[in-house]
Amino acid sequence: MLVSAKEMLEKARDGHYAVGQFNINNLEWTKSILLTAEELKSPVILGVSEGAGKYMTGYKTVVGMVNGMLEELKITVPVALHLDHGSYEGALKCIEAGFSSVMFDGSHYPIDENVAKTTELVKICQQKGLSLEAEVGSIGGEEDGVIGAGEVADPQECKKIADLGVTMLAAGIGNIHGKYPENWPGLRFDALENIKALTGNMPLVLHGGTGIPEDMIKKAIDLGVAKINVNTECQLAFAAATREYIEAGKDKQGKGFDPRKLLAPGAEAIKATVKEKMELFGSVGKA
């Protein structure tokens, strides 16, 4: 059964580890992530961007697939199904479809509008027992066509949003989506400390977990980050393993063209990436 991310993130915050959000794009992705979480006894958050939701034909399809897998694979660890970078309308649709957690990304609105829309969603999510993530200061890089430069969130604005009663807060601290450029200056820990000082016990979220050096990840967790999002890294691992399979001509041997065989190396590569991240984040054995 799907659960809200609230309890798993509060436990992570208190235990100084982080829960990984791994974005899903299809059946292979979802299955690989759930099996790894179960094997490592780690809580996990499945992230769905609006673009991926559309690709999988809609949020009800996603909810049906994930709920079916939890039952068929006998998953016992806590699993949250979470809308990633949702619009206000997208968040309402996911709540209706049966997601257990949503993110409303109002970072591109003026702060007052972000506050107003987040306030509405806090009411709905509290009523239904769902977790809600809000964002202040846009995350850099490209996410479904939106390109940001890695802003640093204003700590006062973070406090305004945290005080509304959201479950978790994504605050820009110079992190970006996708691959990091060579001249990237690194995470702004001074900003993170200031945000933490004003938001108190709020579990913080680090977007763009692909490519941030391990020591920076560990320091961010020490400073209150309880949820880290990973997407690009799984995509790169899946693509590399699939390329290797094709370039080795394995799709031309016997029934190597069968999609179950063709996609198997990629699915294994996702498992390996998720395992590596769960070990780095410290969530192994915390279910």
C-alpha atoms as a PDB file:
ATOM      1  CA  MET A   1       0.000   0.000   0.000  1.00  0.00           C
ATOM      2  CA  LEU A   2       1.283   3.452  -0.900  1.00  0.00           C
ATOM      3  CA  VAL A   3       2.140   5.743   2.004  1.00  0.00           C
ATOM      4  CA  SER A   4       2.689   9.459   2.425  1.00  0.00           C
ATOM      5  CA  ALA A   5       6.358  10.491   2.508  1.00  0.00           C
ATOM      6  CA  LYS A   6       5.900  12.353   5.814  1.00  0.00           C
ATOM      7  CA  GLU A   7       6.874   9.616   8.242  1.00  0.00           C
ATOM      8  CA  MET A   8       9.808   8.266   6.195  1.00  0.00           C
ATOM      9  CA  LEU A   9      11.259  11.773   5.818  1.00  0.00           C
ATOM     10  CA  GLU A  10      10.877  12.676   9.483  1.00  0.00           C
ATOM     11  CA  LYS A  11      12.657   9.436  10.403  1.00  0.00           C
ATOM     12  CA  ALA A  12      15.389  10.239   7.867  1.00  0.00           C
ATOM     13  CA  ARG A  13      15.820  13.766   9.206  1.00  0.00           C
ATOM     14  CA  ASP A  14      16.102  12.521  12.799  1.00  0.00           C
ATOM     15  CA  GLY A  15      18.416   9.648  11.784  1.00  0.00           C
ATOM     16  CA  HIS A  16      20.672  11.824   9.576  1.00  0.00           C
ATOM     17  CA  TYR A  17      20.150   9.899   6.367  1.00  0.00           C
ATOM     18  CA  ALA A  18      18.137  10.687   3.230  1.00  0.00           C
ATOM     19  CA  VAL A  19      15.432   8.843   1.289  1.00  0.00           C
ATOM     20  CA  GLY A  20      15.981   8.703  -2.468  1.00  0.00           C
ATOM     21  CA  GLN A  21      13.335   9.799  -4.924  1.00  0.00           C
ATOM     22  CA  PHE A  22      13.900   7.871  -8.131  1.00  0.00           C
ATOM     23  CA  ASN A  23      11.907   8.990 -11.146  1.00  0.00           C
ATOM     24  CA  ILE A  24      10.008   6.364 -13.099  1.00  0.00           C
ATOM     25  CA  ASN A  25       9.375   6.334 -16.839  1.00  0.00           C
ATOM     26  CA  ASN A  26       7.923   2.889 -17.516  1.00  0.00           C
ATOM     27  CA  LEU A  27       7.423  -0.634 -16.130  1.00  0.00           C
ATOM     28  CA  GLU A  28      11.130  -1.564 -16.161  1.00  0.00           C
ATOM     29  CA  TRP A  29      12.084   1.540 -14.221  1.00  0.00           C
ATOM     30  CA  THR A  30       9.404   1.000 -11.582  1.00  0.00           C
ATOM     31  CA  LYS A  31      10.115  -2.707 -11.148  1.00  0.00           C
ATOM     32  CA  SER A  32      13.894  -2.191 -10.851  1.00  0.00           C
ATOM     33  CA  ILE A  33      13.515   0.528  -8.202  1.00  0.00           C
ATOM     34  CA  LEU A  34      10.933  -1.384  -6.131  1.00  0.00           C
ATOM     35  CA  LEU A  35      12.923  -4.640  -6.194  1.00  0.00           C
ATOM     36  CA  THR A  36      16.082  -2.828  -5.094  1.00  0.00           C
ATOM     37  CA  ALA A  37      14.279  -1.017  -2.275  1.00  0.00           C
ATOM     38  CA  GLU A  38      12.849  -4.318  -1.049  1.00  0.00           C
ATOM     39  CA  GLU A  39      16.189  -6.107  -1.302  1.00  0.00           C
ATOM     40  CA  LEU A  40      17.979  -3.354   0.652  1.00  0.00           C
ATOM     41  CA  LYS A  41      15.073  -2.807   3.074  1.00  0.00           C
ATOM     42  CA  SER A  42      15.056   0.888   2.225  1.00  0.00           C
ATOM     43  CA  PRO A  43      12.094   3.272   2.099  1.00  0.00           C
ATOM     44  CA  VAL A  44      11.698   4.794  -1.364  1.00  0.00           C
ATOM     45  CA  ILE A  45       9.874   7.555  -3.223  1.00  0.00           C
ATOM     46  CA  LEU A  46       8.833   6.981  -6.842  1.00  0.00           C
ATOM     47  CA  GLY A  47       8.858  10.314  -8.681  1.00  0.00           C
ATOM     48  CA  VAL A  48       6.686  11.032 -11.705  1.00  0.00           C
ATOM     49  CA  SER A  49       7.147  14.231 -13.703  1.00  0.00           C
ATOM     50  CA  GLU A  50       4.130  15.584 -15.590  1.00  0.00           C
ATOM     51  CA  GLY A  51       5.884  14.664 -18.846  1.00  0.00           C
ATOM     52  CA  ALA A  52       6.475  11.068 -17.703  1.00  0.00           C
ATOM     53  CA  GLY A  53       2.879  10.861 -16.481  1.00  0.00           C
ATOM     54  CA  LYS A  54       1.669  11.858 -19.920  1.00  0.00           C
ATOM     55  CA  TYR A  55       4.064   9.388 -21.557  1.00  0.00           C
ATOM     56  CA  MET A  56       2.641   6.557 -19.429  1.00  0.00           C
ATOM     57  CA  THR A  57      -0.841   7.615 -20.714  1.00  0.00           C
ATOM     58  CA  GLY A  58      -1.963   9.328 -17.497  1.00  0.00           C
ATOM     59  CA  TYR A  59      -1.766   9.296 -13.715  1.00  0.00           C
ATOM     60  CA  LYS A  60      -4.400   6.577 -13.246  1.00  0.00           C
ATOM     61  CA  THR A  61      -2.288   4.188 -15.327  1.00  0.00           C
ATOM     62  CA  VAL A  62       0.732   4.983 -13.144  1.00  0.00           C
ATOM     63  CA  VAL A  63      -1.224   4.431  -9.915  1.00  0.00           C
ATOM     64  CA  GLY A  64      -2.646   1.142 -11.255  1.00  0.00           C
ATOM     65  CA  MET A  65       0.796  -0.141 -12.280  1.00  0.00           C
ATOM     66  CA  VAL A  66       2.493   0.817  -9.015  1.00  0.00           C
ATOM     67  CA  ASN A  67      -0.277  -0.565  -6.786  1.00  0.00           C
ATOM     68  CA  GLY A  68      -0.289  -3.789  -8.811  1.00  0.00           C
ATOM     69  CA  MET A  69       3.472  -4.160  -8.404  1.00  0.00           C
ATOM     70  CA  LEU A  70       3.405  -3.546  -4.654  1.00  0.00           C
ATOM     71  CA  GLU A  71       1.018  -6.487  -4.383  1.00  0.00           C
ATOM     72  CA  GLU A  72       2.526  -8.845  -6.987  1.00  0.00           C
ATOM     73  CA  LEU A  73       6.144  -8.281  -5.903  1.00  0.00           C
ATOM     74  CA  LYS A  74       5.137  -8.476  -2.209  1.00  0.00           C
ATOM     75  CA  ILE A  75       6.824  -5.163  -1.400  1.00  0.00           C
ATOM     76  CA  THR A  76       6.975  -4.596   2.369  1.00  0.00           C
ATOM     77  CA  VAL A  77       9.058  -1.382   2.544  1.00  0.00           C
ATOM     78  CA  PRO A  78       7.378   2.055   2.668  1.00  0.00           C
ATOM     79  CA  VAL A  79       6.748   3.401  -0.851  1.00  0.00           C
ATOM     80  CA  ALA A  80       5.444   6.868  -1.701  1.00  0.00           C
ATOM     81  CA  LEU A  81       4.227   7.752  -5.209  1.00  0.00           C
ATOM     82  CA  HIS A  82       5.088  11.397  -5.745  1.00  0.00           C
ATOM     83  CA  LEU A  83       4.379  13.987  -8.438  1.00  0.00           C
ATOM     84  CA  ASP A  84       7.651  15.724  -9.326  1.00  0.00           C
ATOM     85  CA  HIS A  85       7.641  19.461 -10.188  1.00  0.00           C
ATOM     86  CA  GLY A  86       3.879  19.541 -10.500  1.00  0.00           C
ATOM     87  CA  SER A  87       1.736  22.439 -11.604  1.00  0.00           C
ATOM     88  CA  TYR A  88      -1.248  23.341  -9.413  1.00  0.00           C
ATOM     89  CA  GLU A  89      -3.607  21.551 -11.851  1.00  0.00           C
ATOM     90  CA  GLY A  90      -1.251  18.568 -12.115  1.00  0.00           C
ATOM     91  CA  ALA A  91      -1.162  18.233  -8.328  1.00  0.00           C
ATOM     92  CA  LEU A  92      -4.971  18.153  -8.157  1.00  0.00           C
ATOM     93  CA  LYS A  93      -5.098  15.487 -10.888  1.00  0.00           C
ATOM     94  CA  CYS A  94      -2.561  13.291  -9.084  1.00  0.00           C
ATOM     95  CA  ILE A  95      -4.417  13.619  -5.785  1.00  0.00           C
ATOM     96  CA  GLU A  96      -7.573  12.492  -7.566  1.00  0.00           C
ATOM     97  CA  ALA A  97      -5.768   9.603  -9.300  1.00  0.00           C
ATOM     98  CA  GLY A  98      -4.451   8.161  -6.012  1.00  0.00           C
ATOM     99  CA  PHE A  99      -0.879   9.450  -5.603  1.00  0.00           C
ATOM    100  CA  SER A 100       0.249   9.449  -1.968  1.00  0.00           C
ATOM    101  CA  SER A 101       2.421  12.553  -2.284  1.00  0.00           C
ATOM    102  CA  VAL A 102       2.644  15.594  -4.567  1.00  0.00           C
ATOM    103  CA  MET A 103       5.036  18.394  -5.274  1.00  0.00           C
ATOM    104  CA  PHE A 104       3.716  21.784  -6.220  1.00  0.00           C
ATOM    105  CA  ASP A 105       6.471  23.765  -7.882  1.00  0.00           C
ATOM    106  CA  GLY A 106       5.438  27.388  -7.509  1.00  0.00           C
ATOM    107  CA  SER A 107       9.021  28.638  -7.653  1.00  0.00           C
ATOM    108  CA  HIS A 108       8.440  30.556 -10.893  1.00  0.00           C
ATOM    109  CA  TYR A 109       5.501  32.514  -9.426  1.00  0.00           C
ATOM    110  CA  PRO A 110       5.874  35.687  -7.378  1.00  0.00           C
ATOM    111  CA  ILE A 111       6.181  34.591  -3.720  1.00  0.00           C
ATOM    112  CA  ASP A 112       2.630  35.715  -2.805  1.00  0.00           C
ATOM    113  CA  GLU A 113       1.113  33.552  -5.526  1.00  0.00           C
ATOM    114  CA  ASN A 114       3.337  30.622  -4.528  1.00  0.00           C
ATOM    115  CA  VAL A 115       2.070  31.075  -0.947  1.00  0.00           C
ATOM    116  CA  ALA A 116      -1.595  31.285  -2.008  1.00  0.00           C
ATOM    117  CA  LYS A 117      -1.523  28.166  -4.181  1.00  0.00           C
ATOM    118  CA  THR A 118       0.565  26.198  -1.671  1.00  0.00           C
ATOM    119  CA  THR A 119      -1.906  27.148   1.102  1.00  0.00           C
ATOM    120  CA  GLU A 120      -4.785  25.630  -0.901  1.00  0.00           C
ATOM    121  CA  LEU A 121      -2.867  22.403  -1.486  1.00  0.00           C
ATOM    122  CA  VAL A 122      -1.813  22.143   2.181  1.00  0.00           C
ATOM    123  CA  LYS A 123      -5.520  22.066   3.126  1.00  0.00           C
ATOM    124  CA  ILE A 124      -6.362  19.351   0.600  1.00  0.00           C
ATOM    125  CA  CYS A 125      -3.314  17.197   1.399  1.00  0.00           C
ATOM    126  CA  GLN A 126      -3.827  17.411   5.170  1.00  0.00           C
ATOM    127  CA  GLN A 127      -7.445  16.356   4.736  1.00  0.00           C
ATOM    128  CA  LYS A 128      -6.432  13.314   2.690  1.00  0.00           C
ATOM    129  CA  GLY A 129      -3.278  12.413   4.637  1.00  0.00           C
ATOM    130  CA  LEU A 130      -0.934  13.031   1.711  1.00  0.00           C
ATOM    131  CA  SER A 131       2.515  14.621   1.836  1.00  0.00           C
ATOM    132  CA  LEU A 132       3.211  17.879   0.023  1.00  0.00           C
ATOM    133  CA  GLU A 133       6.515  19.237  -1.262  1.00  0.00           C
ATOM    134  CA  ALA A 134       6.898  22.918  -2.132  1.00  0.00           C
ATOM    135  CA  GLU A 135       9.733  24.729  -3.896  1.00  0.00           C
ATOM    136  CA  VAL A 136      11.407  28.093  -3.446  1.00  0.00           C
ATOM    137  CA  GLY A 137      14.106  29.365  -5.835  1.00  0.00           C
ATOM    138  CA  SER A 138      14.086  27.445  -9.111  1.00  0.00           C
ATOM    139  CA  ILE A 139      16.479  24.533  -9.533  1.00  0.00           C
ATOM    140  CA  GLY A 140      18.881  25.020 -12.439  1.00  0.00           C
ATOM    141  CA  GLY A 141      19.236  22.923 -15.561  1.00  0.00           C
ATOM    142  CA  GLU A 142      16.414  21.587 -17.692  1.00  0.00           C
ATOM    143  CA  GLU A 143      13.352  19.771 -16.378  1.00  0.00           C
ATOM    144  CA  ASP A 144      10.632  19.059 -18.931  1.00  0.00           C
ATOM    145  CA  GLY A 145      11.634  22.082 -21.013  1.00  0.00           C
ATOM    146  CA  VAL A 146      11.986  24.547 -18.130  1.00  0.00           C
ATOM    147  CA  ILE A 147      15.562  25.849 -17.912  1.00  0.00           C
ATOM    148  CA  GLY A 148      16.876  27.472 -14.725  1.00  0.00           C
ATOM    149  CA  ALA A 149      20.341  28.640 -13.746  1.00  0.00           C
ATOM    150  CA  GLY A 150      20.635  27.131 -10.267  1.00  0.00           C
ATOM    151  CA  GLU A 151      19.238  29.934  -8.131  1.00  0.00           C
ATOM    152  CA  VAL A 152      19.813  30.236  -4.433  1.00  0.00           C
ATOM    153  CA  ALA A 153      16.530  30.477  -2.533  1.00  0.00           C
ATOM    154  CA  ASP A 154      15.788  33.397  -0.221  1.00  0.00           C
ATOM    155  CA  PRO A 155      15.730  31.983   3.357  1.00  0.00           C
ATOM    156  CA  GLN A 156      12.894  34.367   4.360  1.00  0.00           C
ATOM    157  CA  GLU A 157      10.757  33.090   1.461  1.00  0.00           C
ATOM    158  CA  CYS A 158      11.606  29.529   2.506  1.00  0.00           C
ATOM    159  CA  LYS A 159      10.318  30.281   5.996  1.00  0.00           C
ATOM    160  CA  LYS A 160       7.080  31.735   4.565  1.00  0.00           C
ATOM    161  CA  ILE A 161       6.392  28.523   2.633  1.00  0.00           C
ATOM    162  CA  ALA A 162       7.564  26.172   5.424  1.00  0.00           C
ATOM    163  CA  ASP A 163       5.239  27.911   7.894  1.00  0.00           C
ATOM    164  CA  LEU A 164       2.226  27.004   5.731  1.00  0.00           C
ATOM    165  CA  GLY A 165       2.501  23.408   6.912  1.00  0.00           C
ATOM    166  CA  VAL A 166       4.051  21.686   3.898  1.00  0.00           C
ATOM    167  CA  THR A 167       5.722  18.311   4.570  1.00  0.00           C
ATOM    168  CA  MET A 168       9.044  19.071   2.880  1.00  0.00           C
ATOM    169  CA  LEU A 169      10.740  21.947   1.173  1.00  0.00           C
ATOM    170  CA  ALA A 170      12.878  22.015  -1.974  1.00  0.00           C
ATOM    171  CA  ALA A 171      15.124  25.049  -1.808  1.00  0.00           C
ATOM    172  CA  GLY A 172      17.575  25.981  -4.539  1.00  0.00           C
ATOM    173  CA  ILE A 173      21.157  25.957  -3.220  1.00  0.00           C
ATOM    174  CA  GLY A 174      22.968  26.138  -6.553  1.00  0.00           C
ATOM    175  CA  ASN A 175      21.972  22.585  -7.555  1.00  0.00           C
ATOM    176  CA  ILE A 176      20.864  21.816 -11.110  1.00  0.00           C
ATOM    177  CA  HIS A 177      19.006  19.100 -13.001  1.00  0.00           C
ATOM    178  CA  GLY A 178      20.878  16.911 -15.448  1.00  0.00           C
ATOM    179  CA  LYS A 179      24.645  16.845 -15.930  1.00  0.00           C
ATOM    180  CA  TYR A 180      26.681  19.431 -14.057  1.00  0.00           C
ATOM    181  CA  PRO A 181      28.924  21.732 -16.135  1.00  0.00           C
ATOM    182  CA  GLU A 182      32.665  21.597 -15.467  1.00  0.00           C
ATOM    183  CA  ASN A 183      32.700  25.110 -14.029  1.00  0.00           C
ATOM    184  CA  TRP A 184      29.901  24.411 -11.522  1.00  0.00           C
ATOM    185  CA  PRO A 185      30.857  26.164  -8.247  1.00  0.00           C
ATOM    186  CA  GLY A 186      29.297  23.512  -5.965  1.00  0.00           C
ATOM    187  CA  LEU A 187      26.466  23.521  -3.437  1.00  0.00           C
ATOM    188  CA  ARG A 188      25.986  26.651  -1.349  1.00  0.00           C
ATOM    189  CA  PHE A 189      26.162  25.245   2.170  1.00  0.00           C
ATOM    190  CA  ASP A 190      26.002  28.733   3.686  1.00  0.00           C
ATOM    191  CA  ALA A 191      22.576  29.170   2.061  1.00  0.00           C
ATOM    192  CA  LEU A 192      21.503  25.713   3.265  1.00  0.00           C
ATOM    193  CA  GLU A 193      22.485  26.579   6.836  1.00  0.00           C
ATOM    194  CA  ASN A 194      20.548  29.860   6.687  1.00  0.00           C
ATOM    195  CA  ILE A 195      17.467  28.091   5.290  1.00  0.00           C
ATOM    196  CA  LYS A 196      17.707  25.390   7.960  1.00  0.00           C
ATOM    197  CA  ALA A 197      18.031  28.026  10.704  1.00  0.00           C
ATOM    198  CA  LEU A 198      14.749  29.645   9.631  1.00  0.00           C
ATOM    199  CA  THR A 199      12.730  26.524   8.683  1.00  0.00           C
ATOM    200  CA  GLY A 200      13.631  24.548  11.814  1.00  0.00           C
ATOM    201  CA  ASN A 201      12.611  20.914  11.622  1.00  0.00           C
ATOM    202  CA  MET A 202      11.342  20.942   8.049  1.00  0.00           C
ATOM    203  CA  PRO A 203      12.824  18.027   6.013  1.00  0.00           C
ATOM    204  CA  LEU A 204      14.688  19.619   3.096  1.00  0.00           C
ATOM    205  CA  VAL A 205      14.860  18.260  -0.445  1.00  0.00           C
ATOM    206  CA  LEU A 206      17.844  18.266  -2.787  1.00  0.00           C
ATOM    207  CA  HIS A 207      16.908  18.167  -6.478  1.00  0.00           C
ATOM    208  CA  GLY A 208      19.416  17.284  -9.167  1.00  0.00           C
ATOM    209  CA  GLY A 209      21.177  14.542  -7.207  1.00  0.00           C
ATOM    210  CA  THR A 210      22.999  13.302 -10.318  1.00  0.00           C
ATOM    211  CA  GLY A 211      26.616  14.370 -10.404  1.00  0.00           C
ATOM    212  CA  ILE A 212      26.916  16.067  -7.008  1.00  0.00           C
ATOM    213  CA  PRO A 213      30.167  14.794  -5.388  1.00  0.00           C
ATOM    214  CA  GLU A 214      29.639  12.276  -2.571  1.00  0.00           C
ATOM    215  CA  ASP A 215      31.186  14.438   0.136  1.00  0.00           C
ATOM    216  CA  MET A 216      28.777  17.267  -0.754  1.00  0.00           C
ATOM    217  CA  ILE A 217      25.816  14.864  -0.609  1.00  0.00           C
ATOM    218  CA  LYS A 218      26.893  13.682   2.855  1.00  0.00           C
ATOM    219  CA  LYS A 219      27.358  17.244   4.086  1.00  0.00           C
ATOM    220  CA  ALA A 220      23.916  18.240   2.751  1.00  0.00           C
ATOM    221  CA  ILE A 221      22.364  15.305   4.659  1.00  0.00           C
ATOM    222  CA  ASP A 222      24.154  16.426   7.844  1.00  0.00           C
ATOM    223  CA  LEU A 223      22.635  19.881   7.338  1.00  0.00           C
ATOM    224  CA  GLY A 224      19.023  18.658   7.148  1.00  0.00           C
ATOM    225  CA  VAL A 225      18.460  17.297   3.646  1.00  0.00           C
ATOM    226  CA  ALA A 226      16.182  14.242   4.037  1.00  0.00           C
ATOM    227  CA  LYS A 227      15.150  13.605   0.413  1.00  0.00           C
ATOM    228  CA  ILE A 228      17.402  13.503  -2.644  1.00  0.00           C
ATOM    229  CA  ASN A 229      16.086  13.243  -6.195  1.00  0.00           C
ATOM    230  CA  VAL A 230      17.822  11.059  -8.773  1.00  0.00           C
ATOM    231  CA  ASN A 231      16.717  10.793 -12.383  1.00  0.00           C
ATOM    232  CA  THR A 232      19.397  11.496 -14.998  1.00  0.00           C
ATOM    233  CA  GLU A 233      21.821   8.980 -13.513  1.00  0.00           C
ATOM    234  CA  CYS A 234      19.382   6.089 -13.953  1.00  0.00           C
ATOM    235  CA  GLN A 235      18.666   7.216 -17.512  1.00  0.00           C
ATOM    236  CA  LEU A 236      22.376   7.326 -18.390  1.00  0.00           C
ATOM    237  CA  ALA A 237      22.983   3.870 -16.844  1.00  0.00           C
ATOM    238  CA  PHE A 238      19.993   2.399 -18.706  1.00  0.00           C
ATOM    239  CA  ALA A 239      21.136   3.895 -22.023  1.00  0.00           C
ATOM    240  CA  ALA A 240      24.756   2.735 -21.614  1.00  0.00           C
ATOM    241  CA  ALA A 241      23.764  -0.869 -20.801  1.00  0.00           C
ATOM    242  CA  THR A 242      21.305  -0.971 -23.714  1.00  0.00           C
ATOM    243  CA  ARG A 243      23.911   0.424 -26.109  1.00  0.00           C
ATOM    244  CA  GLU A 244      26.423  -2.203 -24.985  1.00  0.00           C
ATOM    245  CA  TYR A 245      23.909  -5.009 -25.577  1.00  0.00           C
ATOM    246  CA  ILE A 246      23.104  -3.781 -29.107  1.00  0.00           C
ATOM    247  CA  GLU A 247      26.715  -3.007 -30.035  1.00  0.00           C
ATOM    248  CA  ALA A 248      27.736  -6.508 -28.937  1.00  0.00           C
ATOM    249  CA  GLY A 249      25.145  -7.789 -31.444  1.00  0.00           C
ATOM    250  CA  LYS A 250      23.224  -9.657 -28.748  1.00  0.00           C
ATOM    251  CA  ASP A 251      19.883  -8.582 -30.205  1.00  0.00           C
ATOM    252  CA  LYS A 252      20.793 -10.641 -33.276  1.00  0.00           C
ATOM    253  CA  GLN A 253      21.554 -13.839 -31.372  1.00  0.00           C
ATOM    254  CA  GLY A 254      18.658 -16.252 -30.929  1.00  0.00           C
ATOM    255  CA  LYS A 255      15.687 -14.389 -29.487  1.00  0.00           C
ATOM    256  CA  GLY A 256      17.859 -11.494 -28.320  1.00  0.00           C
ATOM    257  CA  PHE A 257      15.450  -9.046 -29.954  1.00  0.00           C
ATOM    258  CA  ASP A 258      12.687 -10.019 -27.488  1.00  0.00           C
ATOM    259  CA  PRO A 259      11.997  -6.791 -25.540  1.00  0.00           C
ATOM    260  CA  ARG A 260      12.283  -8.665 -22.253  1.00  0.00           C
ATOM    261  CA  LYS A 261      15.823  -9.668 -23.184  1.00  0.00           C
ATOM    262  CA  LEU A 262      16.658  -6.375 -24.888  1.00  0.00           C
ATOM    263  CA  LEU A 263      15.646  -4.292 -21.870  1.00  0.00           C
ATOM    264  CA  ALA A 264      17.070  -6.615 -19.192  1.00  0.00           C
ATOM    265  CA  PRO A 265      20.638  -5.172 -19.089  1.00  0.00           C
ATOM    266  CA  GLY A 266      19.230  -1.653 -18.756  1.00  0.00           C
ATOM    267  CA  ALA A 267      16.917  -2.745 -15.958  1.00  0.00           C
ATOM    268  CA  GLU A 268      19.868  -4.334 -14.115  1.00  0.00           C
ATOM    269  CA  ALA A 269      21.870  -1.127 -14.597  1.00  0.00           C
ATOM    270  CA  ILE A 270      19.068   0.871 -12.956  1.00  0.00           C
ATOM    271  CA  LYS A 271      19.106  -1.550  -9.996  1.00  0.00           C
ATOM    272  CA  ALA A 272      22.869  -1.070  -9.592  1.00  0.00           C
ATOM    273  CA  THR A 273      22.528   2.730  -9.714  1.00  0.00           C
ATOM    274  CA  VAL A 274      19.665   2.772  -7.192  1.00  0.00           C
ATOM    275  CA  LYS A 275      21.621   0.485  -4.854  1.00  0.00           C
ATOM    276  CA  GLU A 276      24.664   2.740  -5.032  1.00  0.00           C
ATOM    277  CA  LYS A 277      22.528   5.799  -4.217  1.00  0.00           C
ATOM    278  CA  MET A 278      20.668   4.145  -1.335  1.00  0.00           C
ATOM    279  CA  GLU A 279      24.007   3.158   0.201  1.00  0.00           C
ATOM    280  CA  LEU A 280      25.337   6.710  -0.244  1.00  0.00           C
ATOM    281  CA  PHE A 281      22.169   8.279   1.209  1.00  0.00           C
ATOM    282  CA  GLY A 282      22.256   5.929   4.222  1.00  0.00           C
ATOM    283  CA  SER A 283      18.701   4.583   3.787  1.00  0.00           C
ATOM    284  CA  VAL A 284      19.647   0.870   3.593  1.00  0.00           C
ATOM    285  CA  GLY A 285      17.994  -1.160   6.369  1.00  0.00           C
ATOM    286  CA  LYS A 286      15.850   1.807   7.460  1.00  0.00           C
ATOM    287  CA  ALA A 287      12.479   0.480   6.235  1.00  0.00           C
END
